[in-house]
Amino acid sequence: MLRAGSRTLLNLGLQPVSFPAGPPARLESELRLVSGVMLGGSATHVHPRHFGAAQEVADGTYDLERDAVTLPLVRWALRHGVPLIGVCRGSHEFNVACGGTLHQDLRKRDGAVRHWEGAEESVDQQYLERHFVTTETGGELERIVGMHR
């Protein structure tokens, strides 16, 4: 079964490829083979040390090996003009790599957007739209999807 991101790329006429985890030093040679980068989701989070914060969630799930690859990957792609999109955790990586911060627990924020799925939900329910995404006016994503929101 294809993941939603791969299916979307195929529907756009693109060929998704996946590189196994490897040393960050190999990134440059691997990225010369692609036309763009899509950073997908994960059940893990970017470690708070990457945005200068103390860990607030005692039972937080982190993937330091992924952080070691994706954060330099985002910076490299931006430096070299390689198209880049981040979905779910991928958007968090994009934000942190560019100097941004993250809220570590959305459930603790008043009026926060519900962005998590419940274990009791079916897969179909888990993948329902949870919130709107607004594109940059005149940006590439707005051009591709043909809408602003």
N, C-alpha and C. Protein backbone atom coordinates (compact mmCIF):
# COMPACT_ATOMS: atom_id res chain seq x y z
N MET A 1 0.84 -1.18 0.00
CA MET A 1 0.00 0.00 0.00
C MET A 1 0.88 1.24 0.00
N LEU A 2 0.57 2.19 -0.85
CA LEU A 2 1.32 3.44 -0.92
C LEU A 2 0.91 4.38 0.19
N ARG A 3 1.86 5.08 0.74
CA ARG A 3 1.55 6.12 1.71
C ARG A 3 0.97 7.30 0.94
N ALA A 4 0.20 8.13 1.65
CA ALA A 4 -0.49 9.25 1.01
C ALA A 4 0.47 10.17 0.27
N GLY A 5 1.63 10.45 0.84
CA GLY A 5 2.59 11.34 0.19
C GLY A 5 3.10 10.78 -1.12
N SER A 6 3.43 9.49 -1.14
CA SER A 6 3.91 8.87 -2.38
C SER A 6 2.81 8.84 -3.43
N ARG A 7 1.60 8.54 -3.01
CA ARG A 7 0.47 8.51 -3.95
C ARG A 7 0.25 9.89 -4.56
N THR A 8 0.35 10.92 -3.75
CA THR A 8 0.19 12.28 -4.25
C THR A 8 1.26 12.62 -5.27
N LEU A 9 2.50 12.27 -4.97
CA LEU A 9 3.60 12.54 -5.90
C LEU A 9 3.38 11.81 -7.22
N LEU A 10 2.97 10.55 -7.15
CA LEU A 10 2.70 9.78 -8.38
C LEU A 10 1.57 10.42 -9.18
N ASN A 11 0.53 10.88 -8.48
CA ASN A 11 -0.60 11.52 -9.16
C ASN A 11 -0.19 12.81 -9.85
N LEU A 12 0.89 13.42 -9.38
CA LEU A 12 1.41 14.64 -10.01
C LEU A 12 2.40 14.33 -11.14
N GLY A 13 2.60 13.04 -11.41
CA GLY A 13 3.51 12.64 -12.47
C GLY A 13 4.96 12.58 -12.02
N LEU A 14 5.20 12.57 -10.74
CA LEU A 14 6.55 12.52 -10.20
C LEU A 14 6.89 11.10 -9.75
N GLN A 15 8.15 10.78 -9.65
CA GLN A 15 8.58 9.46 -9.19
C GLN A 15 9.25 9.60 -7.83
N PRO A 16 8.55 9.18 -6.77
CA PRO A 16 9.17 9.28 -5.44
C PRO A 16 10.27 8.24 -5.29
N VAL A 17 11.35 8.64 -4.65
CA VAL A 17 12.43 7.74 -4.28
C VAL A 17 12.70 7.96 -2.80
N SER A 18 13.19 6.94 -2.17
CA SER A 18 13.49 7.02 -0.75
C SER A 18 14.92 6.58 -0.53
N PHE A 19 15.64 7.32 0.26
CA PHE A 19 17.01 6.96 0.58
C PHE A 19 17.04 6.39 1.98
N PRO A 20 17.75 5.29 2.18
CA PRO A 20 17.86 4.76 3.53
C PRO A 20 18.66 5.71 4.41
N ALA A 21 18.43 5.62 5.70
CA ALA A 21 19.18 6.48 6.63
C ALA A 21 20.67 6.22 6.43
N GLY A 22 21.40 7.27 6.36
CA GLY A 22 22.84 7.17 6.18
C GLY A 22 23.51 8.37 6.79
N PRO A 23 24.81 8.42 6.68
CA PRO A 23 25.53 9.56 7.27
C PRO A 23 25.18 10.86 6.56
N PRO A 24 25.00 11.95 7.33
CA PRO A 24 24.68 13.24 6.73
C PRO A 24 25.69 13.67 5.66
N ALA A 25 26.93 13.20 5.76
CA ALA A 25 27.95 13.57 4.77
C ALA A 25 27.60 13.08 3.37
N ARG A 26 26.72 12.08 3.28
CA ARG A 26 26.33 11.53 1.98
C ARG A 26 25.20 12.32 1.33
N LEU A 27 24.60 13.24 2.07
CA LEU A 27 23.43 13.97 1.57
C LEU A 27 23.67 14.66 0.24
N GLU A 28 24.76 15.39 0.14
CA GLU A 28 24.99 16.20 -1.06
C GLU A 28 25.01 15.35 -2.32
N SER A 29 25.71 14.21 -2.28
CA SER A 29 25.76 13.38 -3.49
C SER A 29 24.41 12.74 -3.79
N GLU A 30 23.64 12.36 -2.76
CA GLU A 30 22.32 11.78 -2.99
C GLU A 30 21.34 12.82 -3.53
N LEU A 31 21.40 14.02 -2.99
CA LEU A 31 20.44 15.05 -3.40
C LEU A 31 20.67 15.56 -4.81
N ARG A 32 21.82 15.37 -5.34
CA ARG A 32 22.08 15.76 -6.73
C ARG A 32 21.28 14.90 -7.71
N LEU A 33 20.70 13.80 -7.21
CA LEU A 33 19.94 12.87 -8.05
C LEU A 33 18.45 13.18 -8.10
N VAL A 34 17.98 14.15 -7.32
CA VAL A 34 16.55 14.39 -7.22
C VAL A 34 16.18 15.78 -7.73
N SER A 35 14.89 15.93 -8.05
CA SER A 35 14.38 17.23 -8.50
C SER A 35 13.72 18.00 -7.37
N GLY A 36 13.47 17.34 -6.27
CA GLY A 36 12.82 17.98 -5.13
C GLY A 36 12.85 17.06 -3.93
N VAL A 37 12.49 17.60 -2.79
CA VAL A 37 12.51 16.83 -1.54
C VAL A 37 11.16 16.98 -0.85
N MET A 38 10.62 15.86 -0.41
CA MET A 38 9.42 15.87 0.41
C MET A 38 9.77 15.22 1.74
N LEU A 39 9.57 15.98 2.81
CA LEU A 39 9.80 15.46 4.16
C LEU A 39 8.44 15.03 4.71
N GLY A 40 8.29 13.77 4.99
CA GLY A 40 7.01 13.24 5.43
C GLY A 40 6.82 13.29 6.93
N GLY A 41 5.71 12.74 7.35
CA GLY A 41 5.36 12.72 8.76
C GLY A 41 6.02 11.59 9.51
N SER A 42 5.78 11.59 10.80
CA SER A 42 6.34 10.57 11.68
C SER A 42 5.62 10.66 13.01
N ALA A 43 5.70 9.59 13.76
CA ALA A 43 5.14 9.61 15.12
C ALA A 43 6.11 10.27 16.10
N THR A 44 7.28 10.65 15.61
CA THR A 44 8.28 11.28 16.47
C THR A 44 8.28 12.79 16.28
N HIS A 45 9.02 13.47 17.13
CA HIS A 45 9.08 14.94 17.12
C HIS A 45 10.53 15.41 17.00
N VAL A 46 10.71 16.62 16.49
CA VAL A 46 12.04 17.24 16.47
C VAL A 46 12.43 17.53 17.92
N HIS A 47 13.63 17.14 18.29
CA HIS A 47 14.06 17.35 19.68
C HIS A 47 14.17 18.85 19.96
N PRO A 48 13.67 19.29 21.13
CA PRO A 48 13.67 20.71 21.47
C PRO A 48 15.05 21.36 21.51
N ARG A 49 16.10 20.57 21.71
CA ARG A 49 17.44 21.17 21.75
C ARG A 49 17.79 21.84 20.42
N HIS A 50 17.14 21.40 19.33
CA HIS A 50 17.43 21.98 18.01
C HIS A 50 16.82 23.37 17.85
N PHE A 51 15.90 23.74 18.72
CA PHE A 51 15.37 25.11 18.67
C PHE A 51 15.59 25.82 20.00
N GLY A 52 16.63 25.39 20.71
CA GLY A 52 17.08 26.10 21.90
C GLY A 52 16.15 26.02 23.10
N ALA A 53 15.37 24.95 23.21
CA ALA A 53 14.43 24.82 24.33
C ALA A 53 14.76 23.58 25.16
N ALA A 54 14.34 23.64 26.40
CA ALA A 54 14.44 22.47 27.27
C ALA A 54 13.30 21.52 26.94
N GLN A 55 13.51 20.26 27.15
CA GLN A 55 12.47 19.26 26.91
C GLN A 55 11.38 19.40 27.96
N GLU A 56 10.16 19.73 27.52
CA GLU A 56 9.02 19.93 28.43
C GLU A 56 8.16 18.69 28.60
N VAL A 57 8.20 17.80 27.64
CA VAL A 57 7.36 16.60 27.66
C VAL A 57 8.23 15.42 28.07
N ALA A 58 7.98 14.92 29.29
CA ALA A 58 8.82 13.87 29.84
C ALA A 58 8.83 12.61 28.97
N ASP A 59 7.68 12.26 28.41
CA ASP A 59 7.58 11.04 27.62
C ASP A 59 7.60 11.33 26.12
N GLY A 60 8.22 12.42 25.74
CA GLY A 60 8.28 12.79 24.32
C GLY A 60 9.01 11.74 23.50
N THR A 61 8.56 11.56 22.27
CA THR A 61 9.16 10.59 21.36
C THR A 61 9.99 11.36 20.34
N TYR A 62 11.28 11.13 20.35
CA TYR A 62 12.19 11.86 19.47
C TYR A 62 12.97 10.88 18.59
N ASP A 63 13.49 11.39 17.50
CA ASP A 63 14.31 10.60 16.59
C ASP A 63 15.54 11.43 16.24
N LEU A 64 16.56 11.31 17.07
CA LEU A 64 17.77 12.12 16.89
C LEU A 64 18.50 11.79 15.60
N GLU A 65 18.41 10.54 15.15
CA GLU A 65 19.05 10.16 13.88
C GLU A 65 18.37 10.86 12.71
N ARG A 66 17.05 10.94 12.75
CA ARG A 66 16.33 11.66 11.69
C ARG A 66 16.68 13.14 11.74
N ASP A 67 16.69 13.72 12.95
CA ASP A 67 17.07 15.14 13.09
C ASP A 67 18.42 15.41 12.44
N ALA A 68 19.37 14.48 12.65
CA ALA A 68 20.74 14.66 12.14
C ALA A 68 20.78 14.67 10.61
N VAL A 69 19.80 14.06 9.99
CA VAL A 69 19.75 14.04 8.52
C VAL A 69 18.87 15.16 7.98
N THR A 70 17.66 15.30 8.52
CA THR A 70 16.70 16.21 7.90
C THR A 70 17.02 17.68 8.09
N LEU A 71 17.52 18.06 9.25
CA LEU A 71 17.80 19.49 9.45
C LEU A 71 18.89 19.99 8.50
N PRO A 72 20.02 19.27 8.35
CA PRO A 72 20.99 19.69 7.33
C PRO A 72 20.44 19.57 5.91
N LEU A 73 19.58 18.57 5.67
CA LEU A 73 18.99 18.39 4.34
C LEU A 73 18.17 19.61 3.95
N VAL A 74 17.35 20.12 4.87
CA VAL A 74 16.53 21.30 4.58
C VAL A 74 17.44 22.48 4.24
N ARG A 75 18.46 22.70 5.04
CA ARG A 75 19.37 23.83 4.80
C ARG A 75 20.08 23.69 3.46
N TRP A 76 20.50 22.48 3.12
CA TRP A 76 21.17 22.25 1.85
C TRP A 76 20.21 22.53 0.70
N ALA A 77 18.99 22.00 0.79
CA ALA A 77 18.01 22.20 -0.29
C ALA A 77 17.73 23.69 -0.49
N LEU A 78 17.59 24.42 0.58
CA LEU A 78 17.33 25.86 0.46
C LEU A 78 18.52 26.59 -0.16
N ARG A 79 19.72 26.25 0.27
CA ARG A 79 20.92 26.89 -0.30
C ARG A 79 21.05 26.64 -1.80
N HIS A 80 20.64 25.44 -2.24
CA HIS A 80 20.82 25.06 -3.64
C HIS A 80 19.56 25.19 -4.48
N GLY A 81 18.51 25.78 -3.92
CA GLY A 81 17.30 26.02 -4.69
C GLY A 81 16.54 24.76 -5.07
N VAL A 82 16.68 23.71 -4.28
CA VAL A 82 15.96 22.46 -4.56
C VAL A 82 14.57 22.58 -3.95
N PRO A 83 13.52 22.38 -4.74
CA PRO A 83 12.15 22.47 -4.19
C PRO A 83 11.99 21.53 -3.00
N LEU A 84 11.29 22.03 -1.99
CA LEU A 84 11.18 21.31 -0.73
C LEU A 84 9.79 21.52 -0.14
N ILE A 85 9.17 20.43 0.31
CA ILE A 85 7.90 20.54 1.01
C ILE A 85 7.96 19.62 2.22
N GLY A 86 7.39 20.09 3.30
CA GLY A 86 7.33 19.30 4.52
C GLY A 86 5.88 19.07 4.92
N VAL A 87 5.54 17.83 5.23
CA VAL A 87 4.20 17.47 5.66
C VAL A 87 4.30 16.94 7.08
N CYS A 88 3.44 17.42 7.95
CA CYS A 88 3.40 16.99 9.34
C CYS A 88 4.78 17.23 9.98
N ARG A 89 5.46 16.20 10.45
CA ARG A 89 6.76 16.41 11.06
C ARG A 89 7.71 17.12 10.10
N GLY A 90 7.58 16.84 8.82
CA GLY A 90 8.43 17.49 7.83
C GLY A 90 8.32 19.00 7.86
N SER A 91 7.12 19.52 8.11
CA SER A 91 6.96 20.97 8.21
C SER A 91 7.61 21.49 9.49
N HIS A 92 7.62 20.68 10.54
CA HIS A 92 8.30 21.07 11.77
C HIS A 92 9.81 21.14 11.53
N GLU A 93 10.34 20.16 10.79
CA GLU A 93 11.77 20.15 10.48
C GLU A 93 12.15 21.38 9.65
N PHE A 94 11.32 21.69 8.68
CA PHE A 94 11.56 22.87 7.84
C PHE A 94 11.62 24.11 8.72
N ASN A 95 10.65 24.26 9.60
CA ASN A 95 10.58 25.42 10.50
C ASN A 95 11.82 25.52 11.39
N VAL A 96 12.18 24.42 12.04
CA VAL A 96 13.33 24.42 12.96
C VAL A 96 14.63 24.66 12.20
N ALA A 97 14.79 24.05 11.03
CA ALA A 97 16.02 24.24 10.25
C ALA A 97 16.21 25.70 9.84
N CYS A 98 15.10 26.43 9.74
CA CYS A 98 15.16 27.85 9.36
C CYS A 98 15.21 28.78 10.58
N GLY A 99 15.38 28.20 11.77
CA GLY A 99 15.52 29.02 12.98
C GLY A 99 14.25 29.18 13.79
N GLY A 100 13.18 28.49 13.41
CA GLY A 100 11.92 28.60 14.14
C GLY A 100 11.87 27.72 15.37
N THR A 101 10.81 27.88 16.13
CA THR A 101 10.58 27.07 17.33
C THR A 101 9.28 26.30 17.19
N LEU A 102 9.01 25.44 18.15
CA LEU A 102 7.79 24.64 18.14
C LEU A 102 7.16 24.64 19.52
N HIS A 103 5.84 24.51 19.55
CA HIS A 103 5.15 24.23 20.81
C HIS A 103 5.30 22.73 21.03
N GLN A 104 5.70 22.33 22.21
CA GLN A 104 5.98 20.92 22.44
C GLN A 104 4.75 20.08 22.75
N ASP A 105 3.65 20.70 23.17
CA ASP A 105 2.45 19.93 23.48
C ASP A 105 1.21 20.76 23.13
N LEU A 106 0.65 20.51 21.95
CA LEU A 106 -0.50 21.29 21.50
C LEU A 106 -1.72 21.11 22.39
N ARG A 107 -1.80 19.98 23.05
CA ARG A 107 -2.96 19.71 23.91
C ARG A 107 -3.01 20.69 25.10
N LYS A 108 -1.88 21.24 25.46
CA LYS A 108 -1.82 22.16 26.60
C LYS A 108 -2.10 23.61 26.21
N ARG A 109 -2.26 23.88 24.93
CA ARG A 109 -2.48 25.25 24.47
C ARG A 109 -3.97 25.53 24.37
N ASP A 110 -4.39 26.66 24.95
CA ASP A 110 -5.78 27.08 24.86
C ASP A 110 -6.12 27.43 23.42
N GLY A 111 -7.26 26.97 22.96
CA GLY A 111 -7.72 27.32 21.62
C GLY A 111 -6.87 26.75 20.51
N ALA A 112 -6.05 25.75 20.81
CA ALA A 112 -5.16 25.19 19.80
C ALA A 112 -5.94 24.38 18.77
N VAL A 113 -5.38 24.28 17.61
CA VAL A 113 -5.95 23.46 16.55
C VAL A 113 -5.75 22.00 16.93
N ARG A 114 -6.79 21.19 16.79
CA ARG A 114 -6.64 19.76 17.05
C ARG A 114 -5.94 19.13 15.86
N HIS A 115 -4.75 18.60 16.10
CA HIS A 115 -3.93 18.08 15.02
C HIS A 115 -3.48 16.64 15.30
N TRP A 116 -4.12 15.96 16.18
CA TRP A 116 -3.70 14.60 16.49
C TRP A 116 -4.89 13.67 16.33
N GLU A 117 -4.56 12.41 16.13
CA GLU A 117 -5.62 11.43 16.00
C GLU A 117 -5.68 10.60 17.27
N GLY A 118 -6.85 10.07 17.54
CA GLY A 118 -7.04 9.24 18.71
C GLY A 118 -6.85 7.77 18.38
N ALA A 119 -6.31 7.02 19.34
CA ALA A 119 -6.07 5.59 19.13
C ALA A 119 -7.36 4.83 18.86
N GLU A 120 -8.48 5.36 19.33
CA GLU A 120 -9.77 4.68 19.15
C GLU A 120 -10.37 4.94 17.77
N GLU A 121 -9.78 5.83 16.98
CA GLU A 121 -10.31 6.17 15.66
C GLU A 121 -9.87 5.15 14.62
N SER A 122 -10.71 4.93 13.63
CA SER A 122 -10.33 4.08 12.50
C SER A 122 -9.28 4.83 11.67
N VAL A 123 -8.62 4.11 10.78
CA VAL A 123 -7.63 4.75 9.91
C VAL A 123 -8.29 5.84 9.08
N ASP A 124 -9.49 5.59 8.56
CA ASP A 124 -10.20 6.61 7.78
C ASP A 124 -10.44 7.86 8.61
N GLN A 125 -10.86 7.68 9.88
CA GLN A 125 -11.08 8.83 10.75
C GLN A 125 -9.77 9.55 11.06
N GLN A 126 -8.70 8.79 11.25
CA GLN A 126 -7.40 9.40 11.58
C GLN A 126 -6.89 10.29 10.46
N TYR A 127 -7.27 9.98 9.21
CA TYR A 127 -6.75 10.75 8.08
C TYR A 127 -7.75 11.75 7.51
N LEU A 128 -8.80 12.03 8.26
CA LEU A 128 -9.70 13.11 7.86
C LEU A 128 -8.95 14.44 7.98
N GLU A 129 -9.38 15.43 7.22
CA GLU A 129 -8.77 16.75 7.35
C GLU A 129 -9.01 17.25 8.76
N ARG A 130 -7.98 17.76 9.40
CA ARG A 130 -8.07 18.22 10.79
C ARG A 130 -8.14 19.74 10.88
N HIS A 131 -7.50 20.41 9.94
CA HIS A 131 -7.48 21.87 9.97
C HIS A 131 -7.09 22.38 8.59
N PHE A 132 -7.34 23.65 8.37
CA PHE A 132 -7.00 24.26 7.09
C PHE A 132 -5.51 24.54 7.00
N VAL A 133 -5.02 24.59 5.80
CA VAL A 133 -3.66 25.03 5.51
C VAL A 133 -3.80 26.20 4.55
N THR A 134 -3.11 27.29 4.83
CA THR A 134 -3.16 28.48 3.99
C THR A 134 -1.82 28.62 3.27
N THR A 135 -1.89 28.77 1.96
CA THR A 135 -0.66 28.91 1.17
C THR A 135 -0.25 30.38 1.10
N GLU A 136 0.97 30.60 0.73
CA GLU A 136 1.49 31.95 0.52
C GLU A 136 0.88 32.50 -0.78
N THR A 137 0.30 33.67 -0.71
CA THR A 137 -0.30 34.27 -1.89
C THR A 137 0.77 34.45 -2.97
N GLY A 138 0.48 33.89 -4.16
CA GLY A 138 1.43 33.98 -5.26
C GLY A 138 2.56 32.98 -5.19
N GLY A 139 2.57 32.12 -4.16
CA GLY A 139 3.64 31.14 -3.98
C GLY A 139 3.48 29.92 -4.87
N GLU A 140 4.52 29.11 -4.88
CA GLU A 140 4.54 27.91 -5.72
C GLU A 140 3.46 26.91 -5.32
N LEU A 141 3.26 26.71 -4.02
CA LEU A 141 2.24 25.75 -3.59
C LEU A 141 0.85 26.21 -4.00
N GLU A 142 0.58 27.50 -3.89
CA GLU A 142 -0.72 28.02 -4.35
C GLU A 142 -0.89 27.77 -5.84
N ARG A 143 0.17 27.94 -6.61
CA ARG A 143 0.11 27.70 -8.05
C ARG A 143 -0.17 26.23 -8.33
N ILE A 144 0.49 25.33 -7.62
CA ILE A 144 0.35 23.90 -7.87
C ILE A 144 -1.05 23.41 -7.52
N VAL A 145 -1.54 23.78 -6.35
CA VAL A 145 -2.84 23.26 -5.90
C VAL A 145 -4.01 24.09 -6.41
N GLY A 146 -3.73 25.29 -6.91
CA GLY A 146 -4.77 26.11 -7.49
C GLY A 146 -5.71 26.73 -6.49
N MET A 147 -5.29 26.87 -5.25
CA MET A 147 -6.14 27.51 -4.24
C MET A 147 -5.26 28.09 -3.14
N HIS A 148 -5.84 29.01 -2.42
CA HIS A 148 -5.10 29.70 -1.35
C HIS A 148 -5.28 28.99 0.00
N ARG A 149 -6.43 28.31 0.16
CA ARG A 149 -6.69 27.63 1.44
C ARG A 149 -7.23 26.24 1.18
